[in-house]
Amino acid sequence: MLPQFGTAVRKKNLGNAVTADLGGGAPDKASVDAAWLVLEAANDLGDHAAVDACRRVIDAELNGAVAGSADVDLVLGYFR
């Protein structure tokens, strides 16, 4: 089964008022835009760890949650 993120998770967790603090900040527009670009490249390269990190950053933005700083760092430094 594929991991769910975005709308599917949001619908499932609507009643859940508790948000986990993953030690990062809310993703800004630049990190989310970068996450989409990295997601495409990581998919092409078969980099599953980067794909998962991108999905967590994108999911956090869609849900208004906090993205982990390690995930944001991986996304922003992926092409360096």
PDB file of N, CA and C in Angstrom:
ATOM      1  N   MET A   1       0.835  -1.182   0.000  1.00  0.00           N
ATOM      2  CA  MET A   1       0.000   0.000   0.000  1.00  0.00           C
ATOM      3  C   MET A   1       0.882   1.249   0.000  1.00  0.00           C
ATOM      4  N   LEU A   2       0.520   2.221  -0.809  1.00  0.00           N
ATOM      5  CA  LEU A   2       1.285   3.455  -0.901  1.00  0.00           C
ATOM      6  C   LEU A   2       1.007   4.343   0.303  1.00  0.00           C
ATOM      7  N   PRO A   3       2.020   5.087   0.769  1.00  0.00           N
ATOM      8  CA  PRO A   3       1.781   6.006   1.880  1.00  0.00           C
ATOM      9  C   PRO A   3       0.845   7.121   1.449  1.00  0.00           C
ATOM     10  N   GLN A   4      -0.004   7.531   2.365  1.00  0.00           N
ATOM     11  CA  GLN A   4      -0.953   8.602   2.065  1.00  0.00           C
ATOM     12  C   GLN A   4      -0.389   9.928   2.531  1.00  0.00           C
ATOM     13  N   PHE A   5      -0.633  10.968   1.752  1.00  0.00           N
ATOM     14  CA  PHE A   5      -0.282  12.308   2.168  1.00  0.00           C
ATOM     15  C   PHE A   5      -1.231  13.276   1.501  1.00  0.00           C
ATOM     16  N   GLY A   6      -1.217  14.509   1.943  1.00  0.00           N
ATOM     17  CA  GLY A   6      -2.092  15.522   1.349  1.00  0.00           C
ATOM     18  C   GLY A   6      -3.528  15.356   1.769  1.00  0.00           C
ATOM     19  N   THR A   7      -4.426  15.393   0.803  1.00  0.00           N
ATOM     20  CA  THR A   7      -5.858  15.378   1.060  1.00  0.00           C
ATOM     21  C   THR A   7      -6.298  14.121   1.790  1.00  0.00           C
ATOM     22  N   ALA A   8      -5.757  12.973   1.438  1.00  0.00           N
ATOM     23  CA  ALA A   8      -6.178  11.719   2.070  1.00  0.00           C
ATOM     24  C   ALA A   8      -5.903  11.742   3.563  1.00  0.00           C
ATOM     25  N   VAL A   9      -4.749  12.218   3.970  1.00  0.00           N
ATOM     26  CA  VAL A   9      -4.414  12.276   5.383  1.00  0.00           C
ATOM     27  C   VAL A   9      -5.234  13.349   6.076  1.00  0.00           C
ATOM     28  N   ARG A  10      -5.419  14.475   5.418  1.00  0.00           N
ATOM     29  CA  ARG A  10      -6.180  15.569   6.008  1.00  0.00           C
ATOM     30  C   ARG A  10      -7.597  15.117   6.333  1.00  0.00           C
ATOM     31  N   LYS A  11      -8.244  14.395   5.429  1.00  0.00           N
ATOM     32  CA  LYS A  11      -9.597  13.914   5.661  1.00  0.00           C
ATOM     33  C   LYS A  11      -9.632  12.925   6.812  1.00  0.00           C
ATOM     34  N   LYS A  12      -8.618  12.079   6.901  1.00  0.00           N
ATOM     35  CA  LYS A  12      -8.576  11.050   7.934  1.00  0.00           C
ATOM     36  C   LYS A  12      -8.344  11.663   9.312  1.00  0.00           C
ATOM     37  N   ASN A  13      -7.585  12.753   9.394  1.00  0.00           N
ATOM     38  CA  ASN A  13      -7.191  13.326  10.675  1.00  0.00           C
ATOM     39  C   ASN A  13      -7.933  14.615  11.025  1.00  0.00           C
ATOM     40  N   LEU A  14      -9.069  14.876  10.408  1.00  0.00           N
ATOM     41  CA  LEU A  14      -9.781  16.119  10.669  1.00  0.00           C
ATOM     42  C   LEU A  14     -10.123  16.312  12.134  1.00  0.00           C
ATOM     43  N   GLY A  15     -10.501  15.267  12.824  1.00  0.00           N
ATOM     44  CA  GLY A  15     -10.899  15.386  14.214  1.00  0.00           C
ATOM     45  C   GLY A  15      -9.745  15.416  15.182  1.00  0.00           C
ATOM     46  N   ASN A  16      -8.544  15.174  14.735  1.00  0.00           N
ATOM     47  CA  ASN A  16      -7.390  15.096  15.612  1.00  0.00           C
ATOM     48  C   ASN A  16      -6.843  16.497  15.873  1.00  0.00           C
ATOM     49  N   ALA A  17      -6.954  16.961  17.122  1.00  0.00           N
ATOM     50  CA  ALA A  17      -6.530  18.313  17.460  1.00  0.00           C
ATOM     51  C   ALA A  17      -5.064  18.365  17.875  1.00  0.00           C
ATOM     52  N   VAL A  18      -4.437  17.230  18.069  1.00  0.00           N
ATOM     53  CA  VAL A  18      -3.057  17.182  18.529  1.00  0.00           C
ATOM     54  C   VAL A  18      -2.129  17.194  17.321  1.00  0.00           C
ATOM     55  N   THR A  19      -1.145  18.086  17.337  1.00  0.00           N
ATOM     56  CA  THR A  19      -0.165  18.172  16.260  1.00  0.00           C
ATOM     57  C   THR A  19       1.205  17.844  16.827  1.00  0.00           C
ATOM     58  N   ALA A  20       1.920  16.969  16.163  1.00  0.00           N
ATOM     59  CA  ALA A  20       3.258  16.594  16.622  1.00  0.00           C
ATOM     60  C   ALA A  20       4.246  17.692  16.273  1.00  0.00           C
ATOM     61  N   ASP A  21       5.125  17.998  17.207  1.00  0.00           N
ATOM     62  CA  ASP A  21       6.186  18.960  16.951  1.00  0.00           C
ATOM     63  C   ASP A  21       7.417  18.187  16.520  1.00  0.00           C
ATOM     64  N   LEU A  22       7.813  18.360  15.277  1.00  0.00           N
ATOM     65  CA  LEU A  22       8.935  17.618  14.730  1.00  0.00           C
ATOM     66  C   LEU A  22      10.222  18.418  14.766  1.00  0.00           C
ATOM     67  N   GLY A  23      10.218  19.557  15.413  1.00  0.00           N
ATOM     68  CA  GLY A  23      11.440  20.309  15.566  1.00  0.00           C
ATOM     69  C   GLY A  23      11.766  21.239  14.423  1.00  0.00           C
ATOM     70  N   GLY A  24      10.874  21.448  13.494  1.00  0.00           N
ATOM     71  CA  GLY A  24      11.130  22.345  12.376  1.00  0.00           C
ATOM     72  C   GLY A  24      10.184  23.514  12.425  1.00  0.00           C
ATOM     73  N   GLY A  25      10.174  24.274  11.351  1.00  0.00           N
ATOM     74  CA  GLY A  25       9.241  25.379  11.242  1.00  0.00           C
ATOM     75  C   GLY A  25       8.259  25.094  10.133  1.00  0.00           C
ATOM     76  N   ALA A  26       7.204  25.861  10.095  1.00  0.00           N
ATOM     77  CA  ALA A  26       6.235  25.697   9.011  1.00  0.00           C
ATOM     78  C   ALA A  26       6.948  25.966   7.697  1.00  0.00           C
ATOM     79  N   PRO A  27       6.732  25.110   6.715  1.00  0.00           N
ATOM     80  CA  PRO A  27       7.454  25.289   5.457  1.00  0.00           C
ATOM     81  C   PRO A  27       7.044  26.581   4.761  1.00  0.00           C
ATOM     82  N   ASP A  28       8.028  27.298   4.243  1.00  0.00           N
ATOM     83  CA  ASP A  28       7.688  28.502   3.497  1.00  0.00           C
ATOM     84  C   ASP A  28       7.484  28.131   2.037  1.00  0.00           C
ATOM     85  N   LYS A  29       7.060  29.096   1.247  1.00  0.00           N
ATOM     86  CA  LYS A  29       6.738  28.852  -0.166  1.00  0.00           C
ATOM     87  C   LYS A  29       7.946  28.314  -0.931  1.00  0.00           C
ATOM     88  N   ALA A  30       9.123  28.824  -0.642  1.00  0.00           N
ATOM     89  CA  ALA A  30      10.323  28.385  -1.361  1.00  0.00           C
ATOM     90  C   ALA A  30      10.638  26.926  -1.090  1.00  0.00           C
ATOM     91  N   SER A  31      10.507  26.484   0.162  1.00  0.00           N
ATOM     92  CA  SER A  31      10.828  25.090   0.469  1.00  0.00           C
ATOM     93  C   SER A  31       9.793  24.137  -0.122  1.00  0.00           C
ATOM     94  N   VAL A  32       8.536  24.563  -0.195  1.00  0.00           N
ATOM     95  CA  VAL A  32       7.501  23.717  -0.788  1.00  0.00           C
ATOM     96  C   VAL A  32       7.686  23.632  -2.297  1.00  0.00           C
ATOM     97  N   ASP A  33       7.986  24.750  -2.933  1.00  0.00           N
ATOM     98  CA  ASP A  33       8.265  24.728  -4.377  1.00  0.00           C
ATOM     99  C   ASP A  33       9.476  23.849  -4.670  1.00  0.00           C
ATOM    100  N   ALA A  34      10.507  23.964  -3.844  1.00  0.00           N
ATOM    101  CA  ALA A  34      11.694  23.131  -4.020  1.00  0.00           C
ATOM    102  C   ALA A  34      11.355  21.665  -3.794  1.00  0.00           C
ATOM    103  N   ALA A  35      10.475  21.379  -2.847  1.00  0.00           N
ATOM    104  CA  ALA A  35      10.095  19.996  -2.564  1.00  0.00           C
ATOM    105  C   ALA A  35       9.450  19.341  -3.780  1.00  0.00           C
ATOM    106  N   TRP A  36       8.628  20.100  -4.516  1.00  0.00           N
ATOM    107  CA  TRP A  36       8.012  19.546  -5.731  1.00  0.00           C
ATOM    108  C   TRP A  36       9.068  19.232  -6.781  1.00  0.00           C
ATOM    109  N   LEU A  37      10.063  20.118  -6.949  1.00  0.00           N
ATOM    110  CA  LEU A  37      11.133  19.884  -7.923  1.00  0.00           C
ATOM    111  C   LEU A  37      12.003  18.693  -7.522  1.00  0.00           C
ATOM    112  N   VAL A  38      12.354  18.641  -6.245  1.00  0.00           N
ATOM    113  CA  VAL A  38      13.177  17.545  -5.750  1.00  0.00           C
ATOM    114  C   VAL A  38      12.407  16.234  -5.827  1.00  0.00           C
ATOM    115  N   LEU A  39      11.102  16.277  -5.550  1.00  0.00           N
ATOM    116  CA  LEU A  39      10.280  15.071  -5.625  1.00  0.00           C
ATOM    117  C   LEU A  39      10.356  14.447  -7.021  1.00  0.00           C
ATOM    118  N   GLU A  40      10.256  15.281  -8.046  1.00  0.00           N
ATOM    119  CA  GLU A  40      10.329  14.785  -9.417  1.00  0.00           C
ATOM    120  C   GLU A  40      11.709  14.186  -9.715  1.00  0.00           C
ATOM    121  N   ALA A  41      12.762  14.894  -9.316  1.00  0.00           N
ATOM    122  CA  ALA A  41      14.121  14.396  -9.570  1.00  0.00           C
ATOM    123  C   ALA A  41      14.391  13.121  -8.773  1.00  0.00           C
ATOM    124  N   ALA A  42      13.982  13.101  -7.522  1.00  0.00           N
ATOM    125  CA  ALA A  42      14.219  11.932  -6.673  1.00  0.00           C
ATOM    126  C   ALA A  42      13.455  10.720  -7.192  1.00  0.00           C
ATOM    127  N   ASN A  43      12.246  10.937  -7.705  1.00  0.00           N
ATOM    128  CA  ASN A  43      11.489   9.840  -8.314  1.00  0.00           C
ATOM    129  C   ASN A  43      12.247   9.273  -9.506  1.00  0.00           C
ATOM    130  N   ASP A  44      12.768  10.156 -10.349  1.00  0.00           N
ATOM    131  CA  ASP A  44      13.517   9.723 -11.537  1.00  0.00           C
ATOM    132  C   ASP A  44      14.776   8.944 -11.158  1.00  0.00           C
ATOM    133  N   LEU A  45      15.408   9.349 -10.057  1.00  0.00           N
ATOM    134  CA  LEU A  45      16.652   8.716  -9.627  1.00  0.00           C
ATOM    135  C   LEU A  45      16.434   7.502  -8.721  1.00  0.00           C
ATOM    136  N   GLY A  46      15.196   7.287  -8.290  1.00  0.00           N
ATOM    137  CA  GLY A  46      14.919   6.179  -7.383  1.00  0.00           C
ATOM    138  C   GLY A  46      15.392   6.432  -5.963  1.00  0.00           C
ATOM    139  N   ASP A  47      15.502   7.694  -5.588  1.00  0.00           N
ATOM    140  CA  ASP A  47      15.961   8.085  -4.248  1.00  0.00           C
ATOM    141  C   ASP A  47      14.755   8.102  -3.308  1.00  0.00           C
ATOM    142  N   HIS A  48      14.456   6.949  -2.722  1.00  0.00           N
ATOM    143  CA  HIS A  48      13.239   6.797  -1.921  1.00  0.00           C
ATOM    144  C   HIS A  48      13.251   7.638  -0.642  1.00  0.00           C
ATOM    145  N   ALA A  49      14.407   7.806  -0.033  1.00  0.00           N
ATOM    146  CA  ALA A  49      14.489   8.618   1.179  1.00  0.00           C
ATOM    147  C   ALA A  49      14.147  10.075   0.874  1.00  0.00           C
ATOM    148  N   ALA A  50      14.646  10.600  -0.240  1.00  0.00           N
ATOM    149  CA  ALA A  50      14.350  11.975  -0.628  1.00  0.00           C
ATOM    150  C   ALA A  50      12.888  12.129  -1.010  1.00  0.00           C
ATOM    151  N   VAL A  51      12.319  11.129  -1.675  1.00  0.00           N
ATOM    152  CA  VAL A  51      10.894  11.170  -2.031  1.00  0.00           C
ATOM    153  C   VAL A  51      10.058  11.267  -0.764  1.00  0.00           C
ATOM    154  N   ASP A  52      10.384  10.462   0.234  1.00  0.00           N
ATOM    155  CA  ASP A  52       9.633  10.489   1.493  1.00  0.00           C
ATOM    156  C   ASP A  52       9.758  11.845   2.190  1.00  0.00           C
ATOM    157  N   ALA A  53      10.967  12.417   2.188  1.00  0.00           N
ATOM    158  CA  ALA A  53      11.169  13.726   2.815  1.00  0.00           C
ATOM    159  C   ALA A  53      10.364  14.801   2.088  1.00  0.00           C
ATOM    160  N   CYS A  54      10.358  14.763   0.764  1.00  0.00           N
ATOM    161  CA  CYS A  54       9.587  15.737  -0.017  1.00  0.00           C
ATOM    162  C   CYS A  54       8.100  15.619   0.291  1.00  0.00           C
ATOM    163  N   ARG A  55       7.630  14.406   0.371  1.00  0.00           N
ATOM    164  CA  ARG A  55       6.212  14.203   0.667  1.00  0.00           C
ATOM    165  C   ARG A  55       5.843  14.731   2.040  1.00  0.00           C
ATOM    166  N   ARG A  56       6.747  14.574   3.004  1.00  0.00           N
ATOM    167  CA  ARG A  56       6.457  15.096   4.348  1.00  0.00           C
ATOM    168  C   ARG A  56       6.422  16.627   4.349  1.00  0.00           C
ATOM    169  N   VAL A  57       7.335  17.263   3.595  1.00  0.00           N
ATOM    170  CA  VAL A  57       7.344  18.733   3.511  1.00  0.00           C
ATOM    171  C   VAL A  57       6.075  19.230   2.821  1.00  0.00           C
ATOM    172  N   ILE A  58       5.703  18.601   1.715  1.00  0.00           N
ATOM    173  CA  ILE A  58       4.501  18.999   0.980  1.00  0.00           C
ATOM    174  C   ILE A  58       3.260  18.766   1.826  1.00  0.00           C
ATOM    175  N   ASP A  59       3.208  17.616   2.484  1.00  0.00           N
ATOM    176  CA  ASP A  59       2.068  17.287   3.338  1.00  0.00           C
ATOM    177  C   ASP A  59       1.925  18.287   4.473  1.00  0.00           C
ATOM    178  N   ALA A  60       3.038  18.675   5.073  1.00  0.00           N
ATOM    179  CA  ALA A  60       2.989  19.653   6.165  1.00  0.00           C
ATOM    180  C   ALA A  60       2.406  20.975   5.669  1.00  0.00           C
ATOM    181  N   GLU A  61       2.809  21.398   4.479  1.00  0.00           N
ATOM    182  CA  GLU A  61       2.281  22.659   3.934  1.00  0.00           C
ATOM    183  C   GLU A  61       0.787  22.540   3.667  1.00  0.00           C
ATOM    184  N   LEU A  62       0.351  21.417   3.130  1.00  0.00           N
ATOM    185  CA  LEU A  62      -1.063  21.235   2.816  1.00  0.00           C
ATOM    186  C   LEU A  62      -1.930  21.179   4.076  1.00  0.00           C
ATOM    187  N   ASN A  63      -1.358  20.656   5.160  1.00  0.00           N
ATOM    188  CA  ASN A  63      -2.108  20.503   6.403  1.00  0.00           C
ATOM    189  C   ASN A  63      -1.877  21.626   7.403  1.00  0.00           C
ATOM    190  N   GLY A  64      -1.010  22.582   7.063  1.00  0.00           N
ATOM    191  CA  GLY A  64      -0.692  23.661   7.992  1.00  0.00           C
ATOM    192  C   GLY A  64       0.086  23.167   9.194  1.00  0.00           C
ATOM    193  N   ALA A  65       0.782  22.051   9.031  1.00  0.00           N
ATOM    194  CA  ALA A  65       1.553  21.457  10.124  1.00  0.00           C
ATOM    195  C   ALA A  65       3.017  21.887  10.024  1.00  0.00           C
ATOM    196  N   VAL A  66       3.808  21.329  10.898  1.00  0.00           N
ATOM    197  CA  VAL A  66       5.231  21.658  10.972  1.00  0.00           C
ATOM    198  C   VAL A  66       6.026  20.594  10.236  1.00  0.00           C
ATOM    199  N   ALA A  67       6.899  21.023   9.333  1.00  0.00           N
ATOM    200  CA  ALA A  67       7.795  20.097   8.630  1.00  0.00           C
ATOM    201  C   ALA A  67       9.067  19.944   9.448  1.00  0.00           C
ATOM    202  N   GLY A  68       9.593  18.741   9.479  1.00  0.00           N
ATOM    203  CA  GLY A  68      10.833  18.501  10.207  1.00  0.00           C
ATOM    204  C   GLY A  68      11.994  19.249   9.580  1.00  0.00           C
ATOM    205  N   SER A  69      12.860  19.780  10.409  1.00  0.00           N
ATOM    206  CA  SER A  69      13.984  20.561   9.887  1.00  0.00           C
ATOM    207  C   SER A  69      14.918  19.705   9.036  1.00  0.00           C
ATOM    208  N   ALA A  70      15.059  18.428   9.366  1.00  0.00           N
ATOM    209  CA  ALA A  70      15.908  17.542   8.561  1.00  0.00           C
ATOM    210  C   ALA A  70      15.329  17.373   7.161  1.00  0.00           C
ATOM    211  N   ASP A  71      14.006  17.279   7.072  1.00  0.00           N
ATOM    212  CA  ASP A  71      13.362  17.146   5.761  1.00  0.00           C
ATOM    213  C   ASP A  71      13.545  18.410   4.930  1.00  0.00           C
ATOM    214  N   VAL A  72      13.345  19.559   5.550  1.00  0.00           N
ATOM    215  CA  VAL A  72      13.508  20.832   4.842  1.00  0.00           C
ATOM    216  C   VAL A  72      14.958  21.009   4.410  1.00  0.00           C
ATOM    217  N   ASP A  73      15.903  20.658   5.280  1.00  0.00           N
ATOM    218  CA  ASP A  73      17.326  20.763   4.932  1.00  0.00           C
ATOM    219  C   ASP A  73      17.678  19.858   3.754  1.00  0.00           C
ATOM    220  N   LEU A  74      17.128  18.635   3.750  1.00  0.00           N
ATOM    221  CA  LEU A  74      17.408  17.724   2.645  1.00  0.00           C
ATOM    222  C   LEU A  74      16.860  18.297   1.342  1.00  0.00           C
ATOM    223  N   VAL A  75      15.646  18.825   1.376  1.00  0.00           N
ATOM    224  CA  VAL A  75      15.024  19.381   0.164  1.00  0.00           C
ATOM    225  C   VAL A  75      15.818  20.562  -0.356  1.00  0.00           C
ATOM    226  N   LEU A  76      16.163  21.493   0.526  1.00  0.00           N
ATOM    227  CA  LEU A  76      16.849  22.710   0.087  1.00  0.00           C
ATOM    228  C   LEU A  76      18.290  22.447  -0.332  1.00  0.00           C
ATOM    229  N   GLY A  77      18.900  21.385   0.150  1.00  0.00           N
ATOM    230  CA  GLY A  77      20.284  21.089  -0.216  1.00  0.00           C
ATOM    231  C   GLY A  77      20.433  19.979  -1.239  1.00  0.00           C
ATOM    232  N   TYR A  78      19.357  19.515  -1.805  1.00  0.00           N
ATOM    233  CA  TYR A  78      19.381  18.320  -2.668  1.00  0.00           C
ATOM    234  C   TYR A  78      20.261  18.495  -3.908  1.00  0.00           C
ATOM    235  N   PHE A  79      20.234  19.638  -4.539  1.00  0.00           N
ATOM    236  CA  PHE A  79      20.967  19.840  -5.791  1.00  0.00           C
ATOM    237  C   PHE A  79      22.343  20.455  -5.565  1.00  0.00           C
ATOM    238  N   ARG A  80      22.764  20.611  -4.344  1.00  0.00           N
ATOM    239  CA  ARG A  80      24.081  21.219  -4.077  1.00  0.00           C
ATOM    240  C   ARG A  80      25.178  20.224  -4.165  1.00  0.00           C
TER     241      ARG A  80
END
